[in-house]
């Protein structure tokens, strides 16, 4: 894997490991004089396998270590571990250090961007990340920033920013937008059914009985939403306070339910239809039901379709382009370090060449299986027609 991928994801998920136990402490790869252990691989593999498509479909990637998906993640993790080891070595060689104060300053920058400490905590909770892990990740990001700074200037001129603006003018156009706040009373059918079935008292319920309980839950949620709506209608200036106290959308609740400006296609249809039919400083007549539950919506502003002026977005463009330059410099450094590194695959199972062979074999086997299934289906159809 290239350094570009590593730097681009450091802010979210830095690769920090600590082997424990006999197996986890086993050396699998040696990079120059540094060892990568089984424990380090397992920890990062679990992190990556627990996200994305596999998690969404409830697939346990580790069930089949010869599967295409398992081998694909394995190949990516191996390369990420090697890249991180090389970059860590370079950081040490250059004497780059990051203090607790540096990390605290970085945390403050993030808080300023998201709006408040409470908002940051809500975001971390939503993504299942502890404050301690978040700070570790930020420490890694600060290291990479400082490494990039030593590699050369990433300063972007006004002319470069303006050229990017002109070349990507459509990115700065926006459709009609609405600014709204909401209070969510969660009511997801699948989650309600799962909760009902988890209760031992309900283990013998048939489908009809389960559906009846689901409807009861929906009725209770709707009644609660209507009660909160009635309270909010009494005084719209108290909407933010009521949202903080009652909304089950934890990410926006800390901001008084504020969703900011959004285009119609950015929200689910039912929500957008209601919000875009309302005038500023008005509240929905009734709770709006979506797949997430019941929403009490208050529209606070509207903005007609238009284009952001260059001066308004100039600083954001510069920040983006500077980051791209830093990524490219880290990328080039990484390629150079890999080219000159002595990499020994102590356990041949972690040699990328062997992993890639496994990927190709998996693709070939899948194609042959599909071909066989198709042939059997065609033969069965011919037999049925006779």
Protein backbone atom coordinates (compact mmCIF):
# COMPACT_ATOMS: atom_id res chain seq x y z
CA UNK A 1 0.00 0.00 0.00
CA UNK A 2 1.14 3.52 -0.69
CA UNK A 3 1.74 6.23 1.89
CA UNK A 4 -1.18 8.21 0.45
CA UNK A 5 -3.69 5.77 1.90
CA UNK A 6 -2.01 5.80 5.30
CA UNK A 7 -1.85 9.58 5.66
CA UNK A 8 -5.38 10.07 4.39
CA UNK A 9 -6.81 7.81 7.09
CA UNK A 10 -4.56 8.62 10.05
CA UNK A 11 -6.98 11.11 11.56
CA UNK A 12 -9.61 8.40 11.89
CA UNK A 13 -7.66 5.24 12.55
CA UNK A 14 -3.96 5.31 13.36
CA UNK A 15 -2.29 1.91 13.43
CA UNK A 16 -1.18 1.47 17.04
CA UNK A 17 -0.51 -1.96 18.39
CA UNK A 18 0.78 -3.86 21.43
CA UNK A 19 1.32 -7.60 21.18
CA UNK A 20 0.36 -9.80 24.13
CA UNK A 21 0.61 -13.52 24.75
CA UNK A 22 2.83 -16.06 23.01
CA UNK A 23 1.07 -16.25 19.66
CA UNK A 24 0.44 -12.52 19.40
CA UNK A 25 4.12 -11.84 20.11
CA UNK A 26 5.27 -14.12 17.29
CA UNK A 27 7.29 -12.28 14.61
CA UNK A 28 5.78 -12.52 11.12
CA UNK A 29 7.63 -9.76 9.22
CA UNK A 30 10.93 -7.98 9.76
CA UNK A 31 11.33 -4.46 8.31
CA UNK A 32 14.98 -3.42 8.52
CA UNK A 33 15.58 -4.13 12.23
CA UNK A 34 11.95 -3.71 13.35
CA UNK A 35 9.58 -6.63 13.97
CA UNK A 36 5.90 -6.82 13.06
CA UNK A 37 4.10 -9.35 15.25
CA UNK A 38 1.11 -11.63 14.81
CA UNK A 39 -0.67 -9.59 17.48
CA UNK A 40 -0.20 -6.37 15.54
CA UNK A 41 -1.59 -7.99 12.41
CA UNK A 42 -4.55 -9.54 14.24
CA UNK A 43 -5.51 -6.27 15.91
CA UNK A 44 -5.49 -4.25 12.69
CA UNK A 45 -7.17 -7.03 10.72
CA UNK A 46 -10.01 -7.20 13.26
CA UNK A 47 -10.41 -3.43 13.05
CA UNK A 48 -10.69 -3.43 9.26
CA UNK A 49 -12.77 -6.61 9.01
CA UNK A 50 -15.23 -5.13 11.50
CA UNK A 51 -16.04 -2.21 9.19
CA UNK A 52 -17.42 -1.71 5.70
CA UNK A 53 -19.42 -4.08 3.54
CA UNK A 54 -18.66 -7.24 5.53
CA UNK A 55 -20.04 -5.75 8.74
CA UNK A 56 -23.07 -4.30 6.96
CA UNK A 57 -24.04 -7.77 5.70
CA UNK A 58 -23.15 -9.53 8.94
CA UNK A 59 -20.30 -11.49 7.34
CA UNK A 60 -17.54 -12.90 9.55
CA UNK A 61 -14.56 -12.55 7.22
CA UNK A 62 -12.41 -14.85 9.36
CA UNK A 63 -14.71 -17.82 8.76
CA UNK A 64 -12.80 -18.65 5.58
CA UNK A 65 -9.14 -17.61 5.45
CA UNK A 66 -8.94 -18.58 1.79
CA UNK A 67 -11.83 -16.36 0.75
CA UNK A 68 -11.32 -13.45 -1.62
CA UNK A 69 -12.43 -10.86 0.97
CA UNK A 70 -10.22 -12.26 3.73
CA UNK A 71 -7.15 -12.30 1.49
CA UNK A 72 -7.89 -8.80 0.16
CA UNK A 73 -8.01 -7.35 3.69
CA UNK A 74 -4.95 -9.39 4.68
CA UNK A 75 -2.94 -7.97 1.76
CA UNK A 76 -3.97 -4.41 2.65
CA UNK A 77 -3.14 -4.83 6.35
CA UNK A 78 0.30 -6.29 5.63
CA UNK A 79 1.19 -3.33 3.44
CA UNK A 80 -0.18 -0.81 5.94
CA UNK A 81 1.90 -2.34 8.73
CA UNK A 82 5.04 -2.20 6.62
CA UNK A 83 4.40 1.43 5.61
CA UNK A 84 3.75 2.48 9.19
CA UNK A 85 6.89 0.75 10.41
CA UNK A 86 8.97 2.55 7.79
CA UNK A 87 7.40 5.94 8.52
CA UNK A 88 7.81 5.49 12.28
CA UNK A 89 11.47 4.70 11.69
CA UNK A 90 11.85 7.85 9.60
CA UNK A 91 10.10 9.98 12.23
CA UNK A 92 12.53 8.71 14.88
CA UNK A 93 15.52 9.27 12.60
CA UNK A 94 14.48 12.89 12.03
CA UNK A 95 13.97 13.51 15.74
CA UNK A 96 10.28 14.38 15.39
CA UNK A 97 8.51 14.38 18.74
CA UNK A 98 4.92 15.08 19.73
CA UNK A 99 4.17 16.27 23.27
CA UNK A 100 0.96 16.03 25.30
CA UNK A 101 0.46 19.75 24.70
CA UNK A 102 0.71 19.19 20.94
CA UNK A 103 -2.04 16.58 21.17
CA UNK A 104 -4.19 18.84 23.37
CA UNK A 105 -3.80 21.65 20.81
CA UNK A 106 -4.85 19.24 18.03
CA UNK A 107 -7.91 18.21 20.04
CA UNK A 108 -8.82 21.89 20.48
CA UNK A 109 -8.61 22.37 16.70
CA UNK A 110 -11.06 19.53 16.18
CA UNK A 111 -13.41 20.89 18.85
CA UNK A 112 -13.37 24.29 17.13
CA UNK A 113 -14.31 22.63 13.84
CA UNK A 114 -17.18 20.50 15.17
CA UNK A 115 -18.54 23.23 17.42
CA UNK A 116 -18.12 22.00 20.99
CA UNK A 117 -16.55 19.39 23.24
CA UNK A 118 -20.00 17.85 23.72
CA UNK A 119 -20.40 17.54 19.96
CA UNK A 120 -17.00 15.84 19.64
CA UNK A 121 -17.89 13.38 22.42
CA UNK A 122 -21.18 12.59 20.67
CA UNK A 123 -19.35 11.92 17.39
CA UNK A 124 -16.81 9.66 19.10
CA UNK A 125 -19.60 7.76 20.85
CA UNK A 126 -21.46 7.32 17.57
CA UNK A 127 -18.32 5.76 16.01
CA UNK A 128 -17.52 3.64 19.06
CA UNK A 129 -14.22 5.41 19.73
CA UNK A 130 -12.87 6.28 23.18
CA UNK A 131 -11.27 9.63 23.94
CA UNK A 132 -7.98 7.83 24.67
CA UNK A 133 -7.95 6.16 21.23
CA UNK A 134 -8.92 9.43 19.58
CA UNK A 135 -5.93 11.16 21.17
CA UNK A 136 -3.62 8.36 20.06
CA UNK A 137 -4.88 8.74 16.51
CA UNK A 138 -4.38 12.51 16.63
CA UNK A 139 -0.83 12.03 17.90
CA UNK A 140 -0.07 9.92 14.83
CA UNK A 141 -1.61 12.54 12.57
CA UNK A 142 0.48 15.33 14.11
CA UNK A 143 3.62 13.18 13.54
CA UNK A 144 2.75 12.81 9.87
CA UNK A 145 2.08 16.54 9.50
CA UNK A 146 5.49 17.35 10.95
CA UNK A 147 7.17 14.78 8.77
CA UNK A 148 5.52 16.33 5.72
CA UNK A 149 6.65 19.80 6.82
CA UNK A 150 10.25 18.59 6.87
CA UNK A 151 9.93 17.21 3.35
CA UNK A 152 9.16 20.59 1.79
CA UNK A 153 6.75 23.51 1.59
CA UNK A 154 3.11 22.74 0.90
CA UNK A 155 2.06 26.39 0.74
CA UNK A 156 -0.66 27.15 -1.79
CA UNK A 157 -0.93 30.53 -3.51
CA UNK A 158 -4.11 32.48 -4.19
CA UNK A 159 -3.55 31.82 -7.89
CA UNK A 160 -3.42 28.04 -7.36
CA UNK A 161 -6.57 28.18 -5.26
CA UNK A 162 -8.38 30.30 -7.88
CA UNK A 163 -7.35 27.87 -10.65
CA UNK A 164 -8.77 24.96 -8.64
CA UNK A 165 -11.97 26.96 -8.09
CA UNK A 166 -12.35 27.70 -11.81
CA UNK A 167 -11.47 24.13 -12.86
CA UNK A 168 -14.01 22.68 -10.43
CA UNK A 169 -16.68 25.36 -10.56
CA UNK A 170 -19.53 22.87 -10.36
CA UNK A 171 -18.33 21.74 -6.94
CA UNK A 172 -19.13 25.19 -5.60
CA UNK A 173 -22.66 25.40 -6.97
CA UNK A 174 -25.52 24.41 -4.72
CA UNK A 175 -29.25 23.73 -5.18
CA UNK A 176 -32.02 25.15 -3.00
CA UNK A 177 -31.20 24.45 0.62
CA UNK A 178 -32.99 24.49 3.93
CA UNK A 179 -31.59 24.88 7.40
CA UNK A 180 -33.49 22.94 9.99
CA UNK A 181 -33.31 21.47 13.46
CA UNK A 182 -35.01 18.29 14.56
CA UNK A 183 -35.90 16.16 17.54
CA UNK A 184 -35.80 12.43 16.84
CA UNK A 185 -37.72 9.77 18.70
CA UNK A 186 -36.08 6.59 17.39
CA UNK A 187 -38.40 3.89 16.02
CA UNK A 188 -36.72 1.45 13.65
CA UNK A 189 -38.77 -1.66 12.89
CA UNK A 190 -35.81 -4.06 12.68
CA UNK A 191 -34.35 -2.79 15.96
CA UNK A 192 -37.72 -3.07 17.72
CA UNK A 193 -38.20 -6.65 16.48
CA UNK A 194 -34.68 -7.60 17.59
CA UNK A 195 -35.32 -6.14 21.04
CA UNK A 196 -38.61 -8.04 21.37
CA UNK A 197 -37.01 -11.34 20.37
CA UNK A 198 -34.10 -10.84 22.77
CA UNK A 199 -36.53 -10.92 25.71
CA UNK A 200 -36.80 -14.54 26.95
CA UNK A 201 -40.48 -13.93 27.78
CA UNK A 202 -41.21 -13.53 24.07
CA UNK A 203 -39.43 -16.62 22.76
CA UNK A 204 -42.67 -18.48 21.96
CA UNK A 205 -44.45 -15.60 20.24
CA UNK A 206 -45.66 -16.21 16.71
CA UNK A 207 -45.28 -13.65 13.89
CA UNK A 208 -48.70 -12.12 14.51
CA UNK A 209 -47.96 -11.59 18.20
CA UNK A 210 -44.55 -10.06 17.42
CA UNK A 211 -46.12 -7.68 14.91
CA UNK A 212 -48.69 -6.65 17.51
CA UNK A 213 -45.93 -5.79 19.98
CA UNK A 214 -44.09 -3.89 17.27
CA UNK A 215 -47.19 -1.80 16.59
CA UNK A 216 -47.59 -1.12 20.32
CA UNK A 217 -44.02 0.18 20.41
CA UNK A 218 -44.60 2.40 17.37
CA UNK A 219 -47.77 3.80 18.95
CA UNK A 220 -45.88 4.61 22.16
CA UNK A 221 -43.08 6.30 20.23
CA UNK A 222 -45.54 8.36 18.19
CA UNK A 223 -47.40 9.41 21.33
CA UNK A 224 -44.13 10.53 22.90
CA UNK A 225 -43.24 12.51 19.77
CA UNK A 226 -46.65 14.21 19.78
CA UNK A 227 -46.24 15.13 23.44
CA UNK A 228 -42.84 16.73 22.78
CA UNK A 229 -44.21 18.48 19.68
CA UNK A 230 -47.01 20.05 21.74
CA UNK A 231 -44.44 21.30 24.24
CA UNK A 232 -42.22 22.75 21.49
CA UNK A 233 -45.11 24.55 19.81
CA UNK A 234 -45.76 26.57 22.98
CA UNK A 235 -42.51 28.48 22.56
CA UNK A 236 -40.27 27.95 19.50
CA UNK A 237 -37.39 29.75 21.25
CA UNK A 238 -37.14 26.72 23.55
CA UNK A 239 -36.75 24.23 20.70
CA UNK A 240 -32.97 23.85 21.14
CA UNK A 241 -33.36 23.21 24.88
CA UNK A 242 -36.10 20.63 24.29
CA UNK A 243 -33.97 18.94 21.60
CA UNK A 244 -30.97 18.66 23.93
CA UNK A 245 -33.17 17.05 26.56
CA UNK A 246 -35.21 14.72 24.36
CA UNK A 247 -33.71 14.03 20.92
CA UNK A 248 -32.35 10.52 20.40
CA UNK A 249 -30.11 11.73 17.57
CA UNK A 250 -27.15 12.17 19.90
CA UNK A 251 -24.94 13.79 17.26
CA UNK A 252 -27.26 16.75 16.73
CA UNK A 253 -28.93 16.85 20.14
CA UNK A 254 -25.89 18.58 21.68
CA UNK A 255 -26.35 21.33 19.07
CA UNK A 256 -30.00 21.80 19.90
CA UNK A 257 -30.98 19.55 17.01
CA UNK A 258 -29.34 21.78 14.36
CA UNK A 259 -28.72 19.96 11.07
CA UNK A 260 -27.26 22.96 9.26
CA UNK A 261 -28.11 23.66 5.61
CA UNK A 262 -28.93 20.68 3.40
CA UNK A 263 -30.23 19.98 -0.10
CA UNK A 264 -33.33 17.87 -0.65
CA UNK A 265 -31.38 14.80 -1.83
CA UNK A 266 -29.23 14.82 1.32
CA UNK A 267 -32.10 13.65 3.52
CA UNK A 268 -34.54 10.76 3.27
CA UNK A 269 -37.54 11.68 1.07
CA UNK A 270 -40.14 12.00 3.85
CA UNK A 271 -37.91 14.35 5.84
CA UNK A 272 -37.00 16.51 2.84
CA UNK A 273 -40.60 16.75 1.62
CA UNK A 274 -41.70 18.10 4.99
CA UNK A 275 -38.76 20.46 5.52
CA UNK A 276 -38.88 21.98 2.04
CA UNK A 277 -42.63 22.63 2.36
CA UNK A 278 -42.11 24.77 5.48
CA UNK A 279 -41.28 28.44 5.94
CA UNK A 280 -38.44 29.71 8.18
CA UNK A 281 -39.25 29.85 11.89
CA UNK A 282 -42.00 27.25 11.62
CA UNK A 283 -42.43 23.82 13.13
CA UNK A 284 -43.94 20.69 11.55
CA UNK A 285 -47.68 20.23 12.16
CA UNK A 286 -47.12 16.62 13.18
CA UNK A 287 -44.18 14.28 13.71
CA UNK A 288 -42.67 13.16 10.40
CA UNK A 289 -42.18 9.39 10.20
CA UNK A 290 -39.09 7.99 8.44
CA UNK A 291 -37.10 4.75 8.65
CA UNK A 292 -35.35 6.23 11.68
CA UNK A 293 -38.43 7.10 13.69
CA UNK A 294 -40.48 10.22 14.36
CA UNK A 295 -38.99 13.67 13.65
CA UNK A 296 -40.18 17.00 14.98
CA UNK A 297 -38.81 19.49 12.46
CA UNK A 298 -38.23 23.21 12.82
CA UNK A 299 -37.05 25.12 9.74
CA UNK A 300 -34.84 28.08 10.66
CA UNK A 301 -33.63 29.38 7.30
CA UNK A 302 -33.67 28.85 3.53
CA UNK A 303 -31.10 29.54 0.80
CA UNK A 304 -31.85 29.73 -2.92
CA UNK A 305 -29.75 27.83 -5.45
CA UNK A 306 -26.51 29.60 -6.29
CA UNK A 307 -22.74 29.49 -6.26
CA UNK A 308 -20.31 30.05 -3.41
CA UNK A 309 -18.05 33.06 -4.16
CA UNK A 310 -14.32 32.35 -4.37
CA UNK A 311 -13.43 34.53 -1.38
CA UNK A 312 -15.79 32.56 0.83
CA UNK A 313 -14.25 29.19 -0.04
CA UNK A 314 -10.65 30.26 -0.67
CA UNK A 315 -9.30 29.18 2.72
CA UNK A 316 -11.01 25.79 2.48
CA UNK A 317 -9.54 25.25 -0.99
CA UNK A 318 -6.06 26.19 0.22
CA UNK A 319 -6.35 23.79 3.16
CA UNK A 320 -7.43 20.98 0.84
CA UNK A 321 -4.63 21.60 -1.69
CA UNK A 322 -1.99 21.89 1.04
CA UNK A 323 -3.13 18.56 2.44
CA UNK A 324 -2.91 17.01 -1.04
CA UNK A 325 0.65 18.29 -1.44
CA UNK A 326 1.62 16.82 1.94
CA UNK A 327 0.05 13.49 1.01
CA UNK A 328 2.01 13.43 -2.24
CA UNK A 329 5.29 14.15 -0.45
CA UNK A 330 4.63 11.40 2.10
CA UNK A 331 3.69 9.12 -0.78
CA UNK A 332 6.96 9.74 -2.58
CA UNK A 333 8.94 9.27 0.64
CA UNK A 334 7.17 5.98 1.33
CA UNK A 335 7.97 4.60 -2.11
CA UNK A 336 11.63 5.51 -1.61
CA UNK A 337 11.74 3.93 1.86
CA UNK A 338 10.13 0.71 0.60
CA UNK A 339 12.53 0.53 -2.31
CA UNK A 340 15.55 0.75 -0.01
CA UNK A 341 14.22 -1.25 2.93
CA UNK A 342 15.22 -4.78 3.83
CA UNK A 343 11.91 -6.62 4.27
CA UNK A 344 11.94 -10.24 5.41
CA UNK A 345 8.73 -12.29 5.54
CA UNK A 346 9.53 -14.52 8.50
CA UNK A 347 6.19 -16.29 8.15
CA UNK A 348 5.69 -17.01 4.42
CA UNK A 349 1.92 -16.80 4.88
CA UNK A 350 2.40 -13.02 5.12
CA UNK A 351 4.49 -12.67 1.98
CA UNK A 352 2.41 -10.43 -0.34
CA UNK A 353 3.37 -12.63 -3.30
CA UNK A 354 1.77 -15.64 -1.61
CA UNK A 355 -1.27 -13.62 -0.53
CA UNK A 356 -1.75 -12.32 -4.08
CA UNK A 357 -1.51 -15.87 -5.41
CA UNK A 358 -4.25 -16.80 -2.96
CA UNK A 359 -6.40 -13.93 -4.24
CA UNK A 360 -6.00 -15.11 -7.83
CA UNK A 361 -6.76 -18.71 -6.86
CA UNK A 362 -9.89 -17.55 -5.03
CA UNK A 363 -11.08 -15.62 -8.10
CA UNK A 364 -10.39 -18.65 -10.32
CA UNK A 365 -12.24 -21.03 -7.97
CA UNK A 366 -15.22 -18.67 -7.77
CA UNK A 367 -15.39 -18.46 -11.56
CA UNK A 368 -15.21 -22.24 -11.89
CA UNK A 369 -17.92 -22.70 -9.25
CA UNK A 370 -20.19 -20.19 -10.98
CA UNK A 371 -19.61 -21.95 -14.30
CA UNK A 372 -20.46 -25.31 -12.76
CA UNK A 373 -23.64 -23.97 -11.12
CA UNK A 374 -24.73 -22.42 -14.42
CA UNK A 375 -24.12 -25.67 -16.29
CA UNK A 376 -26.10 -27.66 -13.72
CA UNK A 377 -28.98 -25.16 -13.90
CA UNK A 378 -29.05 -25.36 -17.71
CA UNK A 379 -29.00 -29.16 -17.62
CA UNK A 380 -31.87 -29.17 -15.11
CA UNK A 381 -33.92 -26.82 -17.31
CA UNK A 382 -33.39 -29.05 -20.37
CA UNK A 383 -34.46 -32.09 -18.37
CA UNK A 384 -37.62 -30.33 -17.14
CA UNK A 385 -38.58 -29.35 -20.70
CA UNK A 386 -38.49 -32.96 -21.90
